[in-house]
N, C-alpha and C. Protein backbone atom coordinates (compact mmCIF):
# COMPACT_ATOMS: atom_id res chain seq x y z
N UNK A 1 -137.85 140.43 12.78
CA UNK A 1 -138.44 141.75 12.56
C UNK A 1 -137.47 142.85 12.97
N UNK A 2 -136.63 142.58 13.97
CA UNK A 2 -135.64 143.58 14.36
C UNK A 2 -134.69 143.88 13.21
N UNK A 3 -134.25 142.82 12.52
CA UNK A 3 -133.37 143.01 11.38
C UNK A 3 -134.02 143.79 10.26
N UNK A 4 -135.35 143.67 10.12
CA UNK A 4 -136.07 144.39 9.08
C UNK A 4 -136.03 145.89 9.31
N UNK A 5 -135.94 146.31 10.57
CA UNK A 5 -135.99 147.73 10.92
C UNK A 5 -134.62 148.39 10.93
N UNK A 6 -133.57 147.58 10.84
CA UNK A 6 -132.21 148.12 10.86
C UNK A 6 -131.73 148.32 9.43
N UNK A 7 -131.44 149.56 9.02
CA UNK A 7 -131.02 149.80 7.63
C UNK A 7 -129.53 149.55 7.40
N UNK A 8 -129.23 149.11 6.20
CA UNK A 8 -127.85 148.99 5.71
C UNK A 8 -127.75 149.92 4.50
N UNK A 9 -126.60 150.53 4.31
CA UNK A 9 -126.41 151.53 3.23
C UNK A 9 -127.38 152.70 3.41
N UNK A 10 -127.50 153.17 4.63
CA UNK A 10 -128.47 154.24 4.90
C UNK A 10 -128.09 155.54 4.21
N UNK A 11 -126.84 155.66 3.75
CA UNK A 11 -126.40 156.87 3.06
C UNK A 11 -126.81 156.87 1.59
N UNK A 12 -127.40 155.81 1.11
CA UNK A 12 -127.77 155.71 -0.31
C UNK A 12 -128.73 156.82 -0.71
N UNK A 13 -128.44 157.43 -1.85
CA UNK A 13 -129.33 158.39 -2.47
C UNK A 13 -129.51 158.01 -3.92
N UNK A 14 -130.69 158.24 -4.47
CA UNK A 14 -130.93 157.93 -5.86
C UNK A 14 -130.07 158.81 -6.77
N UNK A 15 -129.77 158.29 -7.96
CA UNK A 15 -128.92 158.99 -8.92
C UNK A 15 -129.80 159.64 -9.98
N UNK A 16 -129.88 160.97 -10.03
CA UNK A 16 -130.65 161.62 -11.10
C UNK A 16 -130.13 161.19 -12.48
N UNK A 17 -131.02 160.75 -13.33
CA UNK A 17 -130.61 160.28 -14.64
C UNK A 17 -129.95 158.92 -14.62
N UNK A 18 -130.02 158.24 -13.48
CA UNK A 18 -129.41 156.93 -13.35
C UNK A 18 -130.22 155.83 -14.01
N UNK A 19 -129.81 154.60 -13.77
CA UNK A 19 -130.46 153.43 -14.35
C UNK A 19 -131.77 153.17 -13.62
N UNK A 20 -132.89 153.05 -14.34
CA UNK A 20 -134.17 152.78 -13.68
C UNK A 20 -134.31 151.30 -13.33
N UNK A 21 -134.58 151.03 -12.08
CA UNK A 21 -134.90 149.67 -11.66
C UNK A 21 -136.15 149.74 -10.78
N UNK A 22 -136.76 148.58 -10.56
CA UNK A 22 -137.96 148.51 -9.75
C UNK A 22 -137.87 147.29 -8.83
N UNK A 23 -138.37 147.43 -7.63
CA UNK A 23 -138.57 146.28 -6.76
C UNK A 23 -140.08 146.07 -6.69
N UNK A 24 -140.53 144.88 -7.05
CA UNK A 24 -141.96 144.60 -7.10
C UNK A 24 -142.28 143.42 -6.19
N UNK A 25 -143.50 143.41 -5.69
CA UNK A 25 -143.93 142.37 -4.78
C UNK A 25 -145.36 141.97 -5.09
N UNK A 26 -145.68 140.71 -4.81
CA UNK A 26 -147.08 140.28 -4.88
C UNK A 26 -147.69 140.17 -3.49
N UNK A 27 -146.96 140.73 -2.52
CA UNK A 27 -147.40 140.67 -1.14
C UNK A 27 -146.64 139.65 -0.31
N UNK A 28 -146.07 138.64 -1.00
CA UNK A 28 -145.32 137.59 -0.30
C UNK A 28 -143.89 137.48 -0.83
N UNK A 29 -143.71 137.74 -2.10
CA UNK A 29 -142.45 137.50 -2.79
C UNK A 29 -142.01 138.80 -3.48
N UNK A 30 -140.69 139.00 -3.60
CA UNK A 30 -140.17 140.18 -4.29
C UNK A 30 -139.29 139.79 -5.47
N UNK A 31 -139.35 140.62 -6.51
CA UNK A 31 -138.49 140.51 -7.68
C UNK A 31 -137.80 141.85 -7.90
N UNK A 32 -136.71 141.82 -8.65
CA UNK A 32 -136.12 143.06 -9.15
C UNK A 32 -136.40 143.12 -10.65
N UNK A 33 -136.86 144.26 -11.11
CA UNK A 33 -137.17 144.47 -12.52
C UNK A 33 -136.11 145.41 -13.09
N UNK A 34 -135.44 144.95 -14.15
CA UNK A 34 -134.29 145.65 -14.71
C UNK A 34 -134.49 145.90 -16.20
N UNK A 35 -133.82 146.91 -16.76
CA UNK A 35 -133.91 147.14 -18.20
C UNK A 35 -133.39 145.93 -18.97
N UNK A 36 -134.12 145.51 -19.99
CA UNK A 36 -133.65 144.38 -20.79
C UNK A 36 -132.32 144.71 -21.45
N UNK A 37 -132.22 145.92 -21.97
CA UNK A 37 -130.96 146.44 -22.49
C UNK A 37 -130.70 147.77 -21.80
N UNK A 38 -129.49 147.94 -21.26
CA UNK A 38 -129.20 149.14 -20.50
C UNK A 38 -128.08 149.91 -21.20
N UNK A 39 -128.39 151.12 -21.67
CA UNK A 39 -127.47 151.86 -22.53
C UNK A 39 -126.22 152.33 -21.79
N UNK A 40 -126.34 152.76 -20.52
CA UNK A 40 -125.19 153.34 -19.82
C UNK A 40 -124.11 152.31 -19.51
N UNK A 41 -124.52 151.07 -19.30
CA UNK A 41 -123.56 150.00 -18.99
C UNK A 41 -123.34 149.06 -20.16
N UNK A 42 -124.24 149.11 -21.15
CA UNK A 42 -124.15 148.20 -22.28
C UNK A 42 -124.61 146.80 -21.97
N UNK A 43 -125.27 146.60 -20.84
CA UNK A 43 -125.67 145.25 -20.47
C UNK A 43 -126.94 144.83 -21.21
N UNK A 44 -126.92 143.61 -21.73
CA UNK A 44 -128.05 143.06 -22.48
C UNK A 44 -128.40 141.70 -21.89
N UNK A 45 -129.56 141.61 -21.25
CA UNK A 45 -129.93 140.35 -20.59
C UNK A 45 -130.21 139.23 -21.58
N UNK A 46 -130.65 139.56 -22.78
CA UNK A 46 -130.90 138.51 -23.77
C UNK A 46 -129.60 137.81 -24.15
N UNK A 47 -128.50 138.57 -24.24
CA UNK A 47 -127.21 137.95 -24.52
C UNK A 47 -126.77 137.08 -23.35
N UNK A 48 -127.04 137.52 -22.14
CA UNK A 48 -126.65 136.75 -20.97
C UNK A 48 -127.43 135.44 -20.87
N UNK A 49 -128.72 135.47 -21.20
CA UNK A 49 -129.55 134.27 -21.11
C UNK A 49 -129.17 133.21 -22.14
N UNK A 50 -128.68 133.63 -23.29
CA UNK A 50 -128.25 132.71 -24.35
C UNK A 50 -129.34 131.71 -24.73
N UNK A 51 -130.54 132.24 -24.94
CA UNK A 51 -131.68 131.42 -25.35
C UNK A 51 -132.26 132.01 -26.63
N UNK A 52 -131.85 131.51 -27.80
CA UNK A 52 -132.31 132.10 -29.06
C UNK A 52 -133.82 132.23 -29.18
N UNK A 53 -134.56 131.26 -28.69
CA UNK A 53 -136.02 131.33 -28.79
C UNK A 53 -136.56 132.50 -27.98
N UNK A 54 -135.98 132.75 -26.79
CA UNK A 54 -136.42 133.88 -25.97
C UNK A 54 -136.01 135.20 -26.62
N UNK A 55 -134.82 135.23 -27.21
CA UNK A 55 -134.38 136.44 -27.88
C UNK A 55 -135.33 136.83 -29.01
N UNK A 56 -135.75 135.84 -29.78
CA UNK A 56 -136.66 136.11 -30.89
C UNK A 56 -138.01 136.63 -30.41
N UNK A 57 -138.48 136.11 -29.29
CA UNK A 57 -139.81 136.48 -28.79
C UNK A 57 -139.83 137.80 -28.03
N UNK A 58 -138.76 138.09 -27.30
CA UNK A 58 -138.82 139.21 -26.35
C UNK A 58 -137.85 140.34 -26.64
N UNK A 59 -137.26 140.37 -27.81
CA UNK A 59 -136.25 141.38 -28.10
C UNK A 59 -136.79 142.80 -28.07
N UNK A 60 -138.10 142.97 -28.22
CA UNK A 60 -138.67 144.32 -28.20
C UNK A 60 -139.24 144.70 -26.83
N UNK A 61 -139.13 143.82 -25.85
CA UNK A 61 -139.62 144.15 -24.51
C UNK A 61 -138.61 145.04 -23.80
N UNK A 62 -139.06 145.99 -22.98
CA UNK A 62 -138.10 146.91 -22.35
C UNK A 62 -137.55 146.45 -21.00
N UNK A 63 -138.26 145.55 -20.31
CA UNK A 63 -137.83 145.18 -18.95
C UNK A 63 -137.93 143.67 -18.74
N UNK A 64 -137.13 143.20 -17.80
CA UNK A 64 -137.17 141.79 -17.41
C UNK A 64 -137.01 141.72 -15.88
N UNK A 65 -137.77 140.83 -15.27
CA UNK A 65 -137.76 140.68 -13.80
C UNK A 65 -137.04 139.39 -13.42
N UNK A 66 -136.36 139.46 -12.27
CA UNK A 66 -135.66 138.29 -11.75
C UNK A 66 -136.06 138.04 -10.30
N UNK A 67 -136.32 136.79 -10.00
CA UNK A 67 -136.60 136.38 -8.63
C UNK A 67 -135.94 135.04 -8.38
N UNK A 68 -135.65 134.76 -7.14
CA UNK A 68 -134.99 133.51 -6.72
C UNK A 68 -135.87 132.87 -5.68
N UNK A 69 -136.03 131.54 -5.75
CA UNK A 69 -136.88 130.93 -4.75
C UNK A 69 -136.83 129.41 -4.75
N UNK A 70 -137.62 128.84 -3.87
CA UNK A 70 -137.68 127.39 -3.68
C UNK A 70 -138.31 126.71 -4.90
N UNK A 71 -137.67 125.68 -5.40
CA UNK A 71 -138.16 124.98 -6.59
C UNK A 71 -139.55 124.38 -6.37
N UNK A 72 -139.74 123.69 -5.28
CA UNK A 72 -141.03 123.06 -5.02
C UNK A 72 -142.16 124.07 -4.89
N UNK A 73 -141.87 125.20 -4.26
CA UNK A 73 -142.89 126.23 -4.09
C UNK A 73 -143.23 126.88 -5.42
N UNK A 74 -142.20 127.20 -6.20
CA UNK A 74 -142.44 127.80 -7.52
C UNK A 74 -143.29 126.88 -8.39
N UNK A 75 -142.84 125.64 -8.55
CA UNK A 75 -143.53 124.73 -9.46
C UNK A 75 -144.88 124.29 -8.90
N UNK A 76 -144.98 124.26 -7.59
CA UNK A 76 -146.26 123.91 -6.97
C UNK A 76 -147.31 124.98 -7.11
N UNK A 77 -146.90 126.18 -7.56
CA UNK A 77 -147.84 127.28 -7.75
C UNK A 77 -148.37 127.36 -9.17
N UNK A 78 -147.93 126.46 -10.02
CA UNK A 78 -148.36 126.49 -11.41
C UNK A 78 -149.88 126.30 -11.50
N UNK A 79 -150.46 126.94 -12.50
CA UNK A 79 -151.90 126.82 -12.71
C UNK A 79 -152.73 127.55 -11.68
N UNK A 80 -152.12 128.52 -10.99
CA UNK A 80 -152.86 129.29 -10.00
C UNK A 80 -153.10 128.56 -8.70
N UNK A 81 -152.46 127.42 -8.51
CA UNK A 81 -152.65 126.65 -7.28
C UNK A 81 -151.77 127.20 -6.16
N UNK A 82 -152.19 126.94 -4.93
CA UNK A 82 -151.33 127.24 -3.79
C UNK A 82 -150.57 125.97 -3.45
N UNK A 83 -149.25 126.05 -3.25
CA UNK A 83 -148.47 124.85 -2.98
C UNK A 83 -149.01 124.06 -1.79
N UNK A 84 -148.88 122.76 -1.87
CA UNK A 84 -149.38 121.89 -0.82
C UNK A 84 -148.48 121.88 0.41
N UNK A 85 -148.91 121.19 1.46
CA UNK A 85 -148.15 121.14 2.72
C UNK A 85 -146.73 120.62 2.55
N UNK A 86 -146.54 119.65 1.63
CA UNK A 86 -145.21 119.09 1.44
C UNK A 86 -144.25 120.15 0.91
N UNK A 87 -144.69 120.94 -0.06
CA UNK A 87 -143.84 121.99 -0.62
C UNK A 87 -143.54 123.06 0.42
N UNK A 88 -144.54 123.41 1.21
CA UNK A 88 -144.34 124.45 2.23
C UNK A 88 -143.37 123.97 3.30
N UNK A 89 -143.56 122.74 3.78
CA UNK A 89 -142.67 122.20 4.80
C UNK A 89 -141.25 122.05 4.26
N UNK A 90 -141.14 121.64 2.99
CA UNK A 90 -139.83 121.46 2.39
C UNK A 90 -139.05 122.75 2.28
N UNK A 91 -139.75 123.87 2.16
CA UNK A 91 -139.09 125.16 2.02
C UNK A 91 -138.43 125.62 3.31
N UNK A 92 -138.77 125.00 4.43
CA UNK A 92 -138.17 125.38 5.70
C UNK A 92 -136.74 124.87 5.84
N UNK A 93 -136.40 123.86 5.07
CA UNK A 93 -135.09 123.21 5.17
C UNK A 93 -134.33 123.40 3.85
N UNK A 94 -133.01 123.28 3.87
CA UNK A 94 -132.24 123.49 2.64
C UNK A 94 -132.78 122.68 1.47
N UNK A 95 -133.13 123.38 0.41
CA UNK A 95 -133.77 122.74 -0.74
C UNK A 95 -133.37 123.44 -2.03
N UNK A 96 -133.66 122.79 -3.13
CA UNK A 96 -133.24 123.30 -4.44
C UNK A 96 -133.97 124.58 -4.81
N UNK A 97 -133.31 125.35 -5.68
CA UNK A 97 -133.85 126.67 -6.02
C UNK A 97 -133.91 126.87 -7.54
N UNK A 98 -134.71 127.85 -7.92
CA UNK A 98 -134.85 128.25 -9.31
C UNK A 98 -134.76 129.76 -9.42
N UNK A 99 -134.36 130.22 -10.60
CA UNK A 99 -134.46 131.63 -10.95
C UNK A 99 -135.71 131.80 -11.81
N UNK A 100 -136.55 132.74 -11.42
CA UNK A 100 -137.76 133.06 -12.17
C UNK A 100 -137.47 134.28 -13.02
N UNK A 101 -137.66 134.16 -14.32
CA UNK A 101 -137.38 135.23 -15.28
C UNK A 101 -138.68 135.61 -15.97
N UNK A 102 -139.07 136.87 -15.87
CA UNK A 102 -140.37 137.33 -16.36
C UNK A 102 -140.17 138.59 -17.21
N UNK A 103 -140.61 138.54 -18.45
CA UNK A 103 -140.44 139.68 -19.37
C UNK A 103 -141.63 140.63 -19.25
N UNK A 104 -141.32 141.93 -19.22
CA UNK A 104 -142.34 142.97 -19.05
C UNK A 104 -142.50 143.78 -20.33
N UNK A 105 -143.75 144.00 -20.75
CA UNK A 105 -144.03 144.80 -21.93
C UNK A 105 -143.85 146.30 -21.66
N UNK A 106 -143.88 146.68 -20.40
CA UNK A 106 -143.74 148.09 -20.01
C UNK A 106 -143.21 148.14 -18.59
N UNK A 107 -142.84 149.31 -18.14
CA UNK A 107 -142.40 149.47 -16.76
C UNK A 107 -143.54 149.10 -15.82
N UNK A 108 -143.24 148.52 -14.65
CA UNK A 108 -144.30 148.17 -13.70
C UNK A 108 -145.11 149.39 -13.30
N UNK A 109 -146.42 149.19 -13.18
CA UNK A 109 -147.28 150.28 -12.72
C UNK A 109 -146.93 150.64 -11.29
N UNK A 110 -147.02 151.92 -10.97
CA UNK A 110 -146.77 152.35 -9.60
C UNK A 110 -147.89 151.85 -8.70
N UNK A 111 -147.56 151.65 -7.46
CA UNK A 111 -148.54 151.16 -6.51
C UNK A 111 -147.87 150.77 -5.22
N UNK A 112 -148.65 150.28 -4.29
CA UNK A 112 -148.07 149.99 -2.97
C UNK A 112 -147.12 148.80 -2.98
N UNK A 113 -147.13 148.00 -4.07
CA UNK A 113 -146.23 146.86 -4.17
C UNK A 113 -145.13 147.08 -5.21
N UNK A 114 -144.93 148.32 -5.64
CA UNK A 114 -143.89 148.65 -6.61
C UNK A 114 -143.09 149.84 -6.09
N UNK A 115 -141.76 149.71 -6.06
CA UNK A 115 -140.89 150.82 -5.66
C UNK A 115 -139.90 151.08 -6.78
N UNK A 116 -140.01 152.24 -7.46
CA UNK A 116 -139.04 152.59 -8.50
C UNK A 116 -137.81 153.25 -7.89
N UNK A 117 -136.66 152.98 -8.49
CA UNK A 117 -135.41 153.56 -8.02
C UNK A 117 -134.56 153.96 -9.22
N UNK A 118 -133.67 154.93 -9.02
CA UNK A 118 -132.65 155.28 -10.00
C UNK A 118 -131.30 155.07 -9.33
N UNK A 119 -130.50 154.18 -9.91
CA UNK A 119 -129.20 153.88 -9.32
C UNK A 119 -128.10 154.21 -10.31
N UNK A 120 -126.88 154.34 -9.82
CA UNK A 120 -125.75 154.70 -10.68
C UNK A 120 -125.36 153.51 -11.56
N UNK A 121 -124.67 153.77 -12.67
CA UNK A 121 -124.19 152.66 -13.50
C UNK A 121 -123.31 151.68 -12.71
N UNK A 122 -122.48 152.20 -11.81
CA UNK A 122 -121.66 151.31 -11.00
C UNK A 122 -122.49 150.41 -10.10
N UNK A 123 -123.51 150.97 -9.50
CA UNK A 123 -124.40 150.16 -8.66
C UNK A 123 -125.16 149.15 -9.50
N UNK A 124 -125.54 149.55 -10.70
CA UNK A 124 -126.24 148.61 -11.58
C UNK A 124 -125.35 147.43 -11.96
N UNK A 125 -124.08 147.71 -12.22
CA UNK A 125 -123.15 146.61 -12.55
C UNK A 125 -123.04 145.62 -11.39
N UNK A 126 -123.00 146.13 -10.17
CA UNK A 126 -122.93 145.25 -9.01
C UNK A 126 -124.21 144.41 -8.89
N UNK A 127 -125.34 145.03 -9.16
CA UNK A 127 -126.62 144.31 -9.06
C UNK A 127 -126.72 143.24 -10.15
N UNK A 128 -126.34 143.57 -11.38
CA UNK A 128 -126.40 142.58 -12.44
C UNK A 128 -125.44 141.42 -12.17
N UNK A 129 -124.28 141.71 -11.62
CA UNK A 129 -123.34 140.64 -11.29
C UNK A 129 -123.94 139.70 -10.25
N UNK A 130 -124.62 140.26 -9.27
CA UNK A 130 -125.27 139.44 -8.23
C UNK A 130 -126.34 138.54 -8.85
N UNK A 131 -127.17 139.10 -9.72
CA UNK A 131 -128.23 138.30 -10.36
C UNK A 131 -127.61 137.20 -11.22
N UNK A 132 -126.59 137.54 -11.99
CA UNK A 132 -125.98 136.54 -12.86
C UNK A 132 -125.34 135.41 -12.07
N UNK A 133 -124.74 135.74 -10.95
CA UNK A 133 -124.10 134.71 -10.12
C UNK A 133 -125.11 133.77 -9.48
N UNK A 134 -126.39 134.15 -9.51
CA UNK A 134 -127.43 133.31 -8.90
C UNK A 134 -127.89 132.19 -9.83
N UNK A 135 -127.58 132.28 -11.12
CA UNK A 135 -127.92 131.23 -12.07
C UNK A 135 -126.93 130.07 -11.95
N UNK A 136 -127.43 128.84 -12.11
CA UNK A 136 -126.57 127.66 -12.08
C UNK A 136 -126.17 127.29 -13.51
N UNK A 137 -124.90 127.45 -13.89
CA UNK A 137 -124.50 127.12 -15.25
C UNK A 137 -124.31 125.61 -15.44
N UNK A 138 -124.40 125.18 -16.70
CA UNK A 138 -124.11 123.79 -17.01
C UNK A 138 -122.61 123.63 -17.24
N UNK A 139 -122.20 122.47 -17.73
CA UNK A 139 -120.77 122.19 -17.90
C UNK A 139 -120.12 123.09 -18.95
N UNK A 140 -120.95 123.70 -19.81
CA UNK A 140 -120.44 124.62 -20.83
C UNK A 140 -120.53 126.08 -20.40
N UNK A 141 -120.99 126.29 -19.17
CA UNK A 141 -121.08 127.65 -18.66
C UNK A 141 -122.35 128.37 -19.04
N UNK A 142 -123.32 127.69 -19.63
CA UNK A 142 -124.58 128.31 -20.03
C UNK A 142 -125.65 128.07 -18.97
N UNK A 143 -126.53 129.04 -18.81
CA UNK A 143 -127.61 128.92 -17.84
C UNK A 143 -128.63 127.91 -18.33
N UNK A 144 -129.15 127.12 -17.39
CA UNK A 144 -130.00 125.98 -17.73
C UNK A 144 -131.48 126.32 -17.58
N UNK A 145 -132.20 126.24 -18.70
CA UNK A 145 -133.64 126.45 -18.68
C UNK A 145 -134.29 125.22 -18.06
N UNK A 146 -134.87 125.38 -16.89
CA UNK A 146 -135.47 124.26 -16.15
C UNK A 146 -136.92 124.04 -16.54
N UNK A 147 -137.66 125.13 -16.71
CA UNK A 147 -139.09 125.04 -16.96
C UNK A 147 -139.42 126.00 -18.10
N UNK A 148 -139.69 125.46 -19.33
CA UNK A 148 -139.93 126.34 -20.47
C UNK A 148 -141.27 127.05 -20.45
N UNK A 149 -142.11 126.69 -19.50
CA UNK A 149 -143.42 127.33 -19.36
C UNK A 149 -143.58 127.77 -17.91
N UNK A 150 -143.96 129.03 -17.70
CA UNK A 150 -144.15 129.54 -16.35
C UNK A 150 -145.62 129.76 -16.05
N UNK A 151 -145.90 130.79 -15.29
CA UNK A 151 -147.28 131.11 -14.93
C UNK A 151 -148.04 131.75 -16.09
N UNK A 152 -147.27 132.38 -17.00
CA UNK A 152 -147.83 133.04 -18.18
C UNK A 152 -146.94 132.71 -19.37
N UNK A 153 -147.30 133.12 -20.57
CA UNK A 153 -146.40 132.89 -21.71
C UNK A 153 -145.14 133.74 -21.68
N UNK A 154 -145.00 134.62 -20.69
CA UNK A 154 -143.87 135.55 -20.67
C UNK A 154 -142.89 135.29 -19.54
N UNK A 155 -143.03 134.19 -18.82
CA UNK A 155 -142.08 133.92 -17.74
C UNK A 155 -141.59 132.48 -17.80
N UNK A 156 -140.38 132.27 -17.23
CA UNK A 156 -139.67 131.00 -17.37
C UNK A 156 -138.86 130.74 -16.10
N UNK A 157 -138.44 129.47 -15.94
CA UNK A 157 -137.63 129.09 -14.79
C UNK A 157 -136.29 128.53 -15.25
N UNK A 158 -135.24 128.98 -14.58
CA UNK A 158 -133.88 128.49 -14.81
C UNK A 158 -133.37 127.88 -13.51
N UNK A 159 -132.43 126.97 -13.63
CA UNK A 159 -131.81 126.40 -12.43
C UNK A 159 -130.97 127.47 -11.74
N UNK A 160 -130.96 127.42 -10.41
CA UNK A 160 -130.28 128.45 -9.63
C UNK A 160 -129.24 127.85 -8.69
N UNK A 161 -128.33 128.68 -8.29
CA UNK A 161 -127.36 128.31 -7.25
C UNK A 161 -127.99 128.51 -5.89
N UNK A 162 -127.42 127.86 -4.91
CA UNK A 162 -127.82 128.09 -3.52
C UNK A 162 -129.00 127.26 -3.09
N UNK A 163 -129.18 127.20 -1.78
CA UNK A 163 -130.27 126.44 -1.16
C UNK A 163 -131.22 127.39 -0.44
N UNK A 164 -132.47 127.09 -0.58
CA UNK A 164 -133.53 127.86 0.07
C UNK A 164 -133.82 127.22 1.43
N UNK A 165 -134.01 128.06 2.46
CA UNK A 165 -134.45 127.54 3.77
C UNK A 165 -135.04 128.70 4.56
N UNK A 166 -135.45 128.44 5.75
CA UNK A 166 -136.19 129.43 6.54
C UNK A 166 -135.40 130.72 6.76
N UNK A 167 -134.06 130.63 6.77
CA UNK A 167 -133.24 131.81 7.01
C UNK A 167 -132.64 132.37 5.72
N UNK A 168 -132.97 131.76 4.60
CA UNK A 168 -132.51 132.24 3.29
C UNK A 168 -133.69 132.16 2.34
N UNK A 169 -134.50 133.19 2.33
CA UNK A 169 -135.75 133.20 1.58
C UNK A 169 -135.61 133.99 0.28
N UNK A 170 -136.67 133.97 -0.52
CA UNK A 170 -136.70 134.75 -1.76
C UNK A 170 -136.51 136.23 -1.49
N UNK A 171 -137.11 136.71 -0.41
CA UNK A 171 -136.98 138.14 -0.08
C UNK A 171 -135.58 138.47 0.43
N UNK A 172 -134.98 137.53 1.13
CA UNK A 172 -133.60 137.72 1.57
C UNK A 172 -132.68 137.82 0.36
N UNK A 173 -132.97 137.04 -0.70
CA UNK A 173 -132.18 137.12 -1.93
C UNK A 173 -132.28 138.52 -2.54
N UNK A 174 -133.47 139.05 -2.66
CA UNK A 174 -133.64 140.40 -3.20
C UNK A 174 -132.91 141.42 -2.33
N UNK A 175 -133.08 141.32 -1.04
CA UNK A 175 -132.46 142.25 -0.10
C UNK A 175 -130.94 142.22 -0.21
N UNK A 176 -130.38 141.01 -0.32
CA UNK A 176 -128.92 140.88 -0.43
C UNK A 176 -128.40 141.52 -1.72
N UNK A 177 -129.17 141.39 -2.81
CA UNK A 177 -128.76 142.02 -4.05
C UNK A 177 -128.72 143.53 -3.93
N UNK A 178 -129.71 144.11 -3.29
CA UNK A 178 -129.73 145.55 -3.09
C UNK A 178 -128.58 145.99 -2.18
N UNK A 179 -128.32 145.23 -1.14
CA UNK A 179 -127.22 145.55 -0.23
C UNK A 179 -125.88 145.56 -0.96
N UNK A 180 -125.64 144.52 -1.75
CA UNK A 180 -124.36 144.42 -2.46
C UNK A 180 -124.18 145.53 -3.48
N UNK A 181 -125.30 146.03 -4.00
CA UNK A 181 -125.23 147.12 -4.97
C UNK A 181 -125.09 148.47 -4.30
N UNK A 182 -125.14 148.51 -2.98
CA UNK A 182 -125.02 149.77 -2.26
C UNK A 182 -126.32 150.51 -2.07
N UNK A 183 -127.45 149.84 -2.36
CA UNK A 183 -128.77 150.42 -2.19
C UNK A 183 -129.23 150.20 -0.75
N UNK A 184 -129.99 151.14 -0.23
CA UNK A 184 -130.51 150.97 1.12
C UNK A 184 -131.32 149.69 1.22
N UNK A 185 -131.07 148.91 2.24
CA UNK A 185 -131.73 147.62 2.42
C UNK A 185 -131.82 147.32 3.91
N UNK A 186 -132.48 146.22 4.22
CA UNK A 186 -132.62 145.81 5.62
C UNK A 186 -131.43 144.94 6.03
N UNK A 187 -131.15 144.93 7.32
CA UNK A 187 -130.12 144.03 7.84
C UNK A 187 -130.52 142.59 7.55
N UNK A 188 -131.80 142.28 7.70
CA UNK A 188 -132.34 140.96 7.40
C UNK A 188 -133.77 141.14 6.92
N UNK A 189 -134.12 140.46 5.83
CA UNK A 189 -135.44 140.68 5.23
C UNK A 189 -136.11 139.37 4.86
N UNK A 190 -136.70 138.67 5.82
CA UNK A 190 -137.37 137.41 5.49
C UNK A 190 -138.69 137.62 4.76
N UNK A 191 -139.27 138.80 4.87
CA UNK A 191 -140.59 139.07 4.31
C UNK A 191 -140.51 140.15 3.23
N UNK A 192 -141.49 140.13 2.34
CA UNK A 192 -141.54 141.15 1.29
C UNK A 192 -141.65 142.55 1.88
N UNK A 193 -142.44 142.69 2.92
CA UNK A 193 -142.60 143.99 3.56
C UNK A 193 -141.31 144.53 4.12
N UNK A 194 -140.42 143.65 4.54
CA UNK A 194 -139.12 144.07 5.06
C UNK A 194 -138.30 144.75 3.98
N UNK A 195 -138.32 144.18 2.77
CA UNK A 195 -137.57 144.75 1.65
C UNK A 195 -138.14 146.10 1.26
N UNK A 196 -139.46 146.16 1.09
CA UNK A 196 -140.10 147.38 0.62
C UNK A 196 -139.99 148.52 1.63
N UNK A 197 -140.06 148.18 2.91
CA UNK A 197 -140.01 149.23 3.94
C UNK A 197 -138.72 150.03 3.85
N UNK A 198 -137.58 149.34 3.75
CA UNK A 198 -136.30 150.06 3.76
C UNK A 198 -136.08 150.85 2.48
N UNK A 199 -136.38 150.28 1.32
CA UNK A 199 -136.08 151.04 0.10
C UNK A 199 -137.04 152.22 -0.07
N UNK A 200 -138.18 152.18 0.60
CA UNK A 200 -139.08 153.33 0.54
C UNK A 200 -138.56 154.51 1.35
N UNK A 201 -137.54 154.28 2.16
CA UNK A 201 -136.96 155.36 2.95
C UNK A 201 -135.91 156.13 2.18
N UNK A 202 -135.61 155.71 0.95
CA UNK A 202 -134.56 156.37 0.16
C UNK A 202 -135.07 157.70 -0.41
N UNK A 203 -134.14 158.54 -0.81
CA UNK A 203 -134.50 159.85 -1.38
C UNK A 203 -133.88 160.00 -2.76
């Protein structure tokens, strides 16, 4: 909790007319929501995903969300279930991870679990690089679709780099991405509230 209260990049200020991004939470987990196509940087997430079926279905969507987390916990939550004791205990120790990719029909609604930000094109490039580096490529360098069906018809799971454990959580992943992009973040953010608290202090 001490790390949650210590800010990093405290000099960060939002960029008027900058790239719109959002940090969203369900109360336990955080994602970053980014423009599917970003005009100032030319970045197109559909090209990065290299999934023709997804491109055909979601090319008209404006936003896409990314989250990183424990494979057992993610898949154990399918069908609205809460993961069992084995999945929860397994998440405490180094374990396999997935990238959760969720397409949005519109910008996230404002609310206590949504924080909108405007960042510079340079900061956006750093953030996209961080997200891309979190995907586990196959031998041909393409990202691997692990689970073609998610919680809804609009979300999917890809294989991810890195190991999940008690000191490297889904929220820590989000926090680290914001830090690397130069956005105000917590020194350490094991909880969703830790991430949201610091970015809400930005101007």
